[in-house]
Amino acid sequence: MKKKVTLSKEFLKGLWDQNPVFKQVLGMCPTLAVTVSAINGIAMALATTFVLVSASLIISSIRKLIPTQVRIAAYILIIATFVTIVDLVMKAQFPELSKSLGPYIPLIVVNCLILGRQEAFSSKNTVFRSLLDSLGMGTGFLIALFVLGSLREIFGTGTILGYTIMPSFYEPWLVMILPAGAFLTLGLLFGAANSYLQRKDKIEKNYLVEKYLKAKRDAEQAGEAI
């Protein structure tokens, strides 16, 4: 029987263990294209999270009513509805930001993170668990895009959220706000994350080996005493 995941882990898994960007490598198109600044990363992540959470709530609510044969078409229709809402609201309320993000807001419709969570999770779980799952995945996506956008903005222009933080003698690395800078920054973040995980695994393995050897020695000493 499959062990039920606790509600807290349902949310927290999206932050790191199943982070959409750093662990599942999903949504790479907007991740690489729009993160020339921190505010762009935040805006794209919030728009994606709104669509993800809204679609998850609807699909998990009516999952038993959607015929299996047309489930993907139904998911895309629901996702497209919320993407249209986000696109129109951004054009009306945040026109400059909408221009900065360009066609990547409408392209949320084909973001594999959103469709993947509907197929893998929302269509098989309750509304509350789907809400926690989508919030966790959206928060993990937000963290990843904010970190990536902040690093590119700091080294590419010397600012963060529009405020200058680098000294006056700093020469901005223009490559960081170009496509090459996106691949370079993301690659370095992947490398740092893998290095940390390998070191963590090594420490855990050494601990288990030492624990096993100690238990073996204790058992041998107990046998001699008997």
C-alpha atoms as a PDB file:
ATOM      1  CA  MET A   1       0.000   0.000   0.000  1.00  0.00           C
ATOM      2  CA  LYS A   2       1.353   3.414  -1.013  1.00  0.00           C
ATOM      3  CA  LYS A   3       2.317   5.598   1.946  1.00  0.00           C
ATOM      4  CA  LYS A   4       0.308   8.829   2.169  1.00  0.00           C
ATOM      5  CA  VAL A   5       2.400  12.005   2.018  1.00  0.00           C
ATOM      6  CA  THR A   6       1.753  14.435   4.885  1.00  0.00           C
ATOM      7  CA  LEU A   7       0.125  17.780   4.075  1.00  0.00           C
ATOM      8  CA  SER A   8       3.229  19.748   5.025  1.00  0.00           C
ATOM      9  CA  LYS A   9       5.431  17.633   2.730  1.00  0.00           C
ATOM     10  CA  GLU A  10       2.877  18.068  -0.048  1.00  0.00           C
ATOM     11  CA  PHE A  11       3.700  21.792  -0.003  1.00  0.00           C
ATOM     12  CA  LEU A  12       7.388  21.665   0.921  1.00  0.00           C
ATOM     13  CA  LYS A  13       8.404  19.169  -1.792  1.00  0.00           C
ATOM     14  CA  GLY A  14       8.057  21.900  -4.432  1.00  0.00           C
ATOM     15  CA  LEU A  15      10.549  24.169  -2.700  1.00  0.00           C
ATOM     16  CA  TRP A  16      13.539  21.829  -3.120  1.00  0.00           C
ATOM     17  CA  ASP A  17      13.030  18.038  -3.411  1.00  0.00           C
ATOM     18  CA  GLN A  18      10.885  18.450  -6.549  1.00  0.00           C
ATOM     19  CA  ASN A  19      11.728  22.060  -7.420  1.00  0.00           C
ATOM     20  CA  PRO A  20      10.392  22.675 -10.964  1.00  0.00           C
ATOM     21  CA  VAL A  21      13.590  24.345 -12.191  1.00  0.00           C
ATOM     22  CA  PHE A  22      16.504  22.946 -10.176  1.00  0.00           C
ATOM     23  CA  LYS A  23      15.253  19.342  -9.846  1.00  0.00           C
ATOM     24  CA  GLN A  24      12.671  18.684 -12.585  1.00  0.00           C
ATOM     25  CA  VAL A  25      14.125  21.119 -15.176  1.00  0.00           C
ATOM     26  CA  LEU A  26      10.638  22.258 -16.241  1.00  0.00           C
ATOM     27  CA  GLY A  27       9.557  25.617 -17.676  1.00  0.00           C
ATOM     28  CA  MET A  28      13.012  26.321 -19.090  1.00  0.00           C
ATOM     29  CA  CYS A  29      11.771  28.641 -21.857  1.00  0.00           C
ATOM     30  CA  PRO A  30      10.515  31.456 -19.569  1.00  0.00           C
ATOM     31  CA  THR A  31      13.198  30.665 -16.997  1.00  0.00           C
ATOM     32  CA  LEU A  32      15.963  31.466 -19.471  1.00  0.00           C
ATOM     33  CA  ALA A  33      14.203  34.110 -21.563  1.00  0.00           C
ATOM     34  CA  VAL A  34      12.683  36.593 -19.114  1.00  0.00           C
ATOM     35  CA  THR A  35      15.076  36.541 -16.156  1.00  0.00           C
ATOM     36  CA  VAL A  36      17.140  39.520 -17.280  1.00  0.00           C
ATOM     37  CA  SER A  37      16.040  41.207 -14.047  1.00  0.00           C
ATOM     38  CA  ALA A  38      14.642  40.212 -10.665  1.00  0.00           C
ATOM     39  CA  ILE A  39      11.295  41.954 -11.240  1.00  0.00           C
ATOM     40  CA  ASN A  40      10.782  40.094 -14.517  1.00  0.00           C
ATOM     41  CA  GLY A  41      11.440  36.793 -12.744  1.00  0.00           C
ATOM     42  CA  ILE A  42       8.999  37.639  -9.950  1.00  0.00           C
ATOM     43  CA  ALA A  43       6.277  38.747 -12.394  1.00  0.00           C
ATOM     44  CA  MET A  44       6.596  35.651 -14.569  1.00  0.00           C
ATOM     45  CA  ALA A  45       6.619  33.337 -11.538  1.00  0.00           C
ATOM     46  CA  LEU A  46       3.552  34.997  -9.986  1.00  0.00           C
ATOM     47  CA  ALA A  47       1.648  34.806 -13.283  1.00  0.00           C
ATOM     48  CA  THR A  48       2.570  31.121 -13.665  1.00  0.00           C
ATOM     49  CA  THR A  49       1.635  30.383 -10.042  1.00  0.00           C
ATOM     50  CA  PHE A  50      -1.784  32.021 -10.448  1.00  0.00           C
ATOM     51  CA  VAL A  51      -2.526  29.901 -13.512  1.00  0.00           C
ATOM     52  CA  LEU A  52      -1.140  26.748 -11.861  1.00  0.00           C
ATOM     53  CA  VAL A  53      -3.139  27.154  -8.641  1.00  0.00           C
ATOM     54  CA  SER A  54      -6.373  28.164 -10.410  1.00  0.00           C
ATOM     55  CA  ALA A  55      -6.195  25.332 -12.941  1.00  0.00           C
ATOM     56  CA  SER A  56      -5.346  22.800 -10.217  1.00  0.00           C
ATOM     57  CA  LEU A  57      -8.369  23.835  -8.140  1.00  0.00           C
ATOM     58  CA  ILE A  58     -10.756  23.537 -11.095  1.00  0.00           C
ATOM     59  CA  ILE A  59      -9.358  20.276 -12.463  1.00  0.00           C
ATOM     60  CA  SER A  60      -9.170  18.533  -9.081  1.00  0.00           C
ATOM     61  CA  SER A  61     -12.774  19.645  -8.409  1.00  0.00           C
ATOM     62  CA  ILE A  62     -14.185  18.176 -11.632  1.00  0.00           C
ATOM     63  CA  ARG A  63     -11.652  15.392 -12.246  1.00  0.00           C
ATOM     64  CA  LYS A  64     -14.298  12.663 -12.048  1.00  0.00           C
ATOM     65  CA  LEU A  65     -16.464  14.453 -14.624  1.00  0.00           C
ATOM     66  CA  ILE A  66     -13.746  14.777 -17.308  1.00  0.00           C
ATOM     67  CA  PRO A  67     -13.697  11.796 -19.737  1.00  0.00           C
ATOM     68  CA  THR A  68     -10.257  10.200 -19.947  1.00  0.00           C
ATOM     69  CA  GLN A  69     -10.162  10.440 -23.754  1.00  0.00           C
ATOM     70  CA  VAL A  70     -10.430  14.252 -23.771  1.00  0.00           C
ATOM     71  CA  ARG A  71      -8.686  15.062 -20.506  1.00  0.00           C
ATOM     72  CA  ILE A  72      -5.643  16.788 -22.101  1.00  0.00           C
ATOM     73  CA  ALA A  73      -7.835  18.994 -24.296  1.00  0.00           C
ATOM     74  CA  ALA A  74      -9.948  19.880 -21.255  1.00  0.00           C
ATOM     75  CA  TYR A  75      -6.830  20.718 -19.214  1.00  0.00           C
ATOM     76  CA  ILE A  76      -5.493  23.007 -21.957  1.00  0.00           C
ATOM     77  CA  LEU A  77      -8.861  24.772 -22.284  1.00  0.00           C
ATOM     78  CA  ILE A  78      -8.972  25.473 -18.537  1.00  0.00           C
ATOM     79  CA  ILE A  79      -5.325  26.586 -18.443  1.00  0.00           C
ATOM     80  CA  ALA A  80      -5.807  28.871 -21.477  1.00  0.00           C
ATOM     81  CA  THR A  81      -8.754  30.562 -19.762  1.00  0.00           C
ATOM     82  CA  PHE A  82      -6.654  31.606 -16.782  1.00  0.00           C
ATOM     83  CA  VAL A  83      -3.695  32.584 -18.993  1.00  0.00           C
ATOM     84  CA  THR A  84      -5.997  34.918 -20.925  1.00  0.00           C
ATOM     85  CA  ILE A  85      -7.124  36.501 -17.635  1.00  0.00           C
ATOM     86  CA  VAL A  86      -3.498  37.058 -16.567  1.00  0.00           C
ATOM     87  CA  ASP A  87      -2.527  38.467 -19.972  1.00  0.00           C
ATOM     88  CA  LEU A  88      -5.416  40.962 -20.064  1.00  0.00           C
ATOM     89  CA  VAL A  89      -4.893  42.084 -16.448  1.00  0.00           C
ATOM     90  CA  MET A  90      -1.170  42.652 -17.013  1.00  0.00           C
ATOM     91  CA  LYS A  91      -1.807  44.635 -20.198  1.00  0.00           C
ATOM     92  CA  ALA A  92      -4.373  46.807 -18.387  1.00  0.00           C
ATOM     93  CA  GLN A  93      -2.632  47.287 -15.033  1.00  0.00           C
ATOM     94  CA  PHE A  94       1.082  46.743 -15.733  1.00  0.00           C
ATOM     95  CA  PRO A  95       1.649  47.693 -19.408  1.00  0.00           C
ATOM     96  CA  GLU A  96       5.427  48.193 -19.077  1.00  0.00           C
ATOM     97  CA  LEU A  97       5.870  44.825 -17.398  1.00  0.00           C
ATOM     98  CA  SER A  98       3.639  43.212 -19.997  1.00  0.00           C
ATOM     99  CA  LYS A  99       5.888  44.620 -22.754  1.00  0.00           C
ATOM    100  CA  SER A 100       9.007  43.366 -20.949  1.00  0.00           C
ATOM    101  CA  LEU A 101       7.669  39.828 -20.706  1.00  0.00           C
ATOM    102  CA  GLY A 102       6.448  39.935 -24.314  1.00  0.00           C
ATOM    103  CA  PRO A 103       4.936  36.732 -25.714  1.00  0.00           C
ATOM    104  CA  TYR A 104       6.011  34.631 -22.728  1.00  0.00           C
ATOM    105  CA  ILE A 105       2.812  35.389 -20.798  1.00  0.00           C
ATOM    106  CA  PRO A 106       0.532  33.834 -23.501  1.00  0.00           C
ATOM    107  CA  LEU A 107       3.052  30.981 -23.772  1.00  0.00           C
ATOM    108  CA  ILE A 108       2.253  29.948 -20.179  1.00  0.00           C
ATOM    109  CA  VAL A 109      -0.451  27.849 -21.881  1.00  0.00           C
ATOM    110  CA  VAL A 110       2.236  25.411 -23.058  1.00  0.00           C
ATOM    111  CA  ASN A 111       4.354  25.542 -19.897  1.00  0.00           C
ATOM    112  CA  CYS A 112       5.025  21.867 -19.175  1.00  0.00           C
ATOM    113  CA  LEU A 113       5.102  22.553 -15.437  1.00  0.00           C
ATOM    114  CA  ILE A 114       1.394  23.462 -15.400  1.00  0.00           C
ATOM    115  CA  LEU A 115       0.115  20.731 -17.703  1.00  0.00           C
ATOM    116  CA  GLY A 116       2.391  18.188 -16.011  1.00  0.00           C
ATOM    117  CA  ARG A 117       1.017  18.896 -12.531  1.00  0.00           C
ATOM    118  CA  GLN A 118      -2.561  18.563 -13.815  1.00  0.00           C
ATOM    119  CA  GLU A 119      -1.852  15.190 -15.402  1.00  0.00           C
ATOM    120  CA  ALA A 120       0.376  13.845 -12.615  1.00  0.00           C
ATOM    121  CA  PHE A 121      -1.307  15.253  -9.516  1.00  0.00           C
ATOM    122  CA  SER A 122      -4.512  17.328  -9.696  1.00  0.00           C
ATOM    123  CA  SER A 123      -6.381  14.752 -11.784  1.00  0.00           C
ATOM    124  CA  LYS A 124      -5.718  12.103  -9.084  1.00  0.00           C
ATOM    125  CA  ASN A 125      -5.941  13.987  -5.794  1.00  0.00           C
ATOM    126  CA  THR A 126      -8.331  16.030  -3.672  1.00  0.00           C
ATOM    127  CA  VAL A 127      -8.817  19.776  -3.992  1.00  0.00           C
ATOM    128  CA  PHE A 128      -6.901  20.569  -0.790  1.00  0.00           C
ATOM    129  CA  ARG A 129      -3.890  18.421  -1.676  1.00  0.00           C
ATOM    130  CA  SER A 130      -3.871  19.887  -5.185  1.00  0.00           C
ATOM    131  CA  LEU A 131      -3.915  23.376  -3.679  1.00  0.00           C
ATOM    132  CA  LEU A 132      -0.905  22.585  -1.474  1.00  0.00           C
ATOM    133  CA  ASP A 133       0.943  20.921  -4.353  1.00  0.00           C
ATOM    134  CA  SER A 134       0.399  23.832  -6.747  1.00  0.00           C
ATOM    135  CA  LEU A 135       1.293  26.452  -4.122  1.00  0.00           C
ATOM    136  CA  GLY A 136       4.507  24.572  -3.312  1.00  0.00           C
ATOM    137  CA  MET A 137       5.463  24.197  -6.978  1.00  0.00           C
ATOM    138  CA  GLY A 138       4.638  27.854  -7.650  1.00  0.00           C
ATOM    139  CA  THR A 139       6.710  28.995  -4.676  1.00  0.00           C
ATOM    140  CA  GLY A 140       9.638  26.836  -5.813  1.00  0.00           C
ATOM    141  CA  PHE A 141       9.328  28.316  -9.316  1.00  0.00           C
ATOM    142  CA  LEU A 142       9.258  31.826  -7.820  1.00  0.00           C
ATOM    143  CA  ILE A 143      12.399  31.185  -5.754  1.00  0.00           C
ATOM    144  CA  ALA A 144      14.266  29.810  -8.779  1.00  0.00           C
ATOM    145  CA  LEU A 145      13.331  32.702 -11.103  1.00  0.00           C
ATOM    146  CA  PHE A 146      14.031  35.318  -8.424  1.00  0.00           C
ATOM    147  CA  VAL A 147      17.496  33.906  -7.695  1.00  0.00           C
ATOM    148  CA  LEU A 148      18.331  33.605 -11.387  1.00  0.00           C
ATOM    149  CA  GLY A 149      16.964  37.074 -12.249  1.00  0.00           C
ATOM    150  CA  SER A 150      18.692  38.710  -9.262  1.00  0.00           C
ATOM    151  CA  LEU A 151      22.119  37.272 -10.123  1.00  0.00           C
ATOM    152  CA  ARG A 152      21.814  38.291 -13.784  1.00  0.00           C
ATOM    153  CA  GLU A 153      20.663  41.800 -12.851  1.00  0.00           C
ATOM    154  CA  ILE A 154      23.355  42.314 -10.215  1.00  0.00           C
ATOM    155  CA  PHE A 155      26.238  41.239 -12.446  1.00  0.00           C
ATOM    156  CA  GLY A 156      24.681  42.477 -15.700  1.00  0.00           C
ATOM    157  CA  THR A 157      23.685  45.997 -14.646  1.00  0.00           C
ATOM    158  CA  GLY A 158      24.925  46.416 -11.064  1.00  0.00           C
ATOM    159  CA  THR A 159      21.401  46.826  -9.679  1.00  0.00           C
ATOM    160  CA  ILE A 160      18.775  44.752  -7.867  1.00  0.00           C
ATOM    161  CA  LEU A 161      15.084  45.568  -8.321  1.00  0.00           C
ATOM    162  CA  GLY A 162      16.219  48.793  -9.993  1.00  0.00           C
ATOM    163  CA  TYR A 163      18.416  49.958  -7.085  1.00  0.00           C
ATOM    164  CA  THR A 164      22.167  50.307  -7.613  1.00  0.00           C
ATOM    165  CA  ILE A 165      24.141  48.136  -5.194  1.00  0.00           C
ATOM    166  CA  MET A 166      27.496  47.719  -6.912  1.00  0.00           C
ATOM    167  CA  PRO A 167      30.294  50.304  -6.389  1.00  0.00           C
ATOM    168  CA  SER A 168      30.792  53.056  -8.977  1.00  0.00           C
ATOM    169  CA  PHE A 169      33.978  51.459 -10.357  1.00  0.00           C
ATOM    170  CA  TYR A 170      32.148  48.212 -11.195  1.00  0.00           C
ATOM    171  CA  GLU A 171      31.977  47.461 -14.913  1.00  0.00           C
ATOM    172  CA  PRO A 172      28.705  45.552 -15.665  1.00  0.00           C
ATOM    173  CA  TRP A 173      29.044  42.193 -17.414  1.00  0.00           C
ATOM    174  CA  LEU A 174      26.677  42.767 -20.321  1.00  0.00           C
ATOM    175  CA  VAL A 175      26.871  39.087 -21.203  1.00  0.00           C
ATOM    176  CA  MET A 176      24.787  38.356 -18.090  1.00  0.00           C
ATOM    177  CA  ILE A 177      21.686  40.032 -19.543  1.00  0.00           C
ATOM    178  CA  LEU A 178      22.151  38.251 -22.869  1.00  0.00           C
ATOM    179  CA  PRO A 179      20.940  34.679 -23.579  1.00  0.00           C
ATOM    180  CA  ALA A 180      24.457  33.360 -22.919  1.00  0.00           C
ATOM    181  CA  GLY A 181      24.282  34.829 -19.402  1.00  0.00           C
ATOM    182  CA  ALA A 182      21.085  32.881 -18.693  1.00  0.00           C
ATOM    183  CA  PHE A 183      22.698  29.552 -19.608  1.00  0.00           C
ATOM    184  CA  LEU A 184      25.895  30.439 -17.721  1.00  0.00           C
ATOM    185  CA  THR A 185      24.075  31.451 -14.516  1.00  0.00           C
ATOM    186  CA  LEU A 186      21.714  28.485 -14.584  1.00  0.00           C
ATOM    187  CA  GLY A 187      24.623  26.109 -15.210  1.00  0.00           C
ATOM    188  CA  LEU A 188      26.549  27.503 -12.233  1.00  0.00           C
ATOM    189  CA  LEU A 189      23.459  27.175 -10.007  1.00  0.00           C
ATOM    190  CA  PHE A 190      22.987  23.549 -11.146  1.00  0.00           C
ATOM    191  CA  GLY A 191      26.658  22.871 -10.422  1.00  0.00           C
ATOM    192  CA  ALA A 192      26.455  24.404  -6.940  1.00  0.00           C
ATOM    193  CA  ALA A 193      23.265  22.463  -6.138  1.00  0.00           C
ATOM    194  CA  ASN A 194      24.722  19.133  -7.336  1.00  0.00           C
ATOM    195  CA  SER A 195      27.944  19.720  -5.410  1.00  0.00           C
ATOM    196  CA  TYR A 196      25.949  20.365  -2.216  1.00  0.00           C
ATOM    197  CA  LEU A 197      23.788  17.265  -2.728  1.00  0.00           C
ATOM    198  CA  GLN A 198      26.803  15.018  -3.416  1.00  0.00           C
ATOM    199  CA  ARG A 199      28.533  16.267  -0.258  1.00  0.00           C
ATOM    200  CA  LYS A 200      25.339  15.736   1.746  1.00  0.00           C
ATOM    201  CA  ASP A 201      24.943  12.172   0.407  1.00  0.00           C
ATOM    202  CA  LYS A 202      28.584  11.382   1.228  1.00  0.00           C
ATOM    203  CA  ILE A 203      28.157  12.594   4.826  1.00  0.00           C
ATOM    204  CA  GLU A 204      24.980  10.511   5.239  1.00  0.00           C
ATOM    205  CA  LYS A 205      26.660   7.385   3.802  1.00  0.00           C
ATOM    206  CA  ASN A 206      29.685   7.800   6.086  1.00  0.00           C
ATOM    207  CA  TYR A 207      27.365   8.179   9.076  1.00  0.00           C
ATOM    208  CA  LEU A 208      25.465   4.984   8.191  1.00  0.00           C
ATOM    209  CA  VAL A 209      28.715   3.035   7.646  1.00  0.00           C
ATOM    210  CA  GLU A 210      30.107   4.179  10.998  1.00  0.00           C
ATOM    211  CA  LYS A 211      26.825   3.310  12.701  1.00  0.00           C
ATOM    212  CA  TYR A 212      26.878  -0.181  11.143  1.00  0.00           C
ATOM    213  CA  LEU A 213      30.515  -0.819  12.136  1.00  0.00           C
ATOM    214  CA  LYS A 214      29.842   0.337  15.703  1.00  0.00           C
ATOM    215  CA  ALA A 215      26.825  -1.948  15.977  1.00  0.00           C
ATOM    216  CA  LYS A 216      28.928  -4.827  14.596  1.00  0.00           C
ATOM    217  CA  ARG A 217      31.741  -4.187  17.109  1.00  0.00           C
ATOM    218  CA  ASP A 218      29.247  -3.976  19.985  1.00  0.00           C
ATOM    219  CA  ALA A 219      27.698  -7.277  18.886  1.00  0.00           C
ATOM    220  CA  GLU A 220      31.113  -8.975  18.682  1.00  0.00           C
ATOM    221  CA  GLN A 221      32.125  -7.697  22.139  1.00  0.00           C
ATOM    222  CA  ALA A 222      28.814  -8.875  23.591  1.00  0.00           C
ATOM    223  CA  GLY A 223      29.409 -12.321  22.046  1.00  0.00           C
ATOM    224  CA  GLU A 224      32.869 -12.600  23.636  1.00  0.00           C
ATOM    225  CA  ALA A 225      31.513 -11.604  27.030  1.00  0.00           C
ATOM    226  CA  ILE A 226      28.850 -14.318  26.834  1.00  0.00           C
END
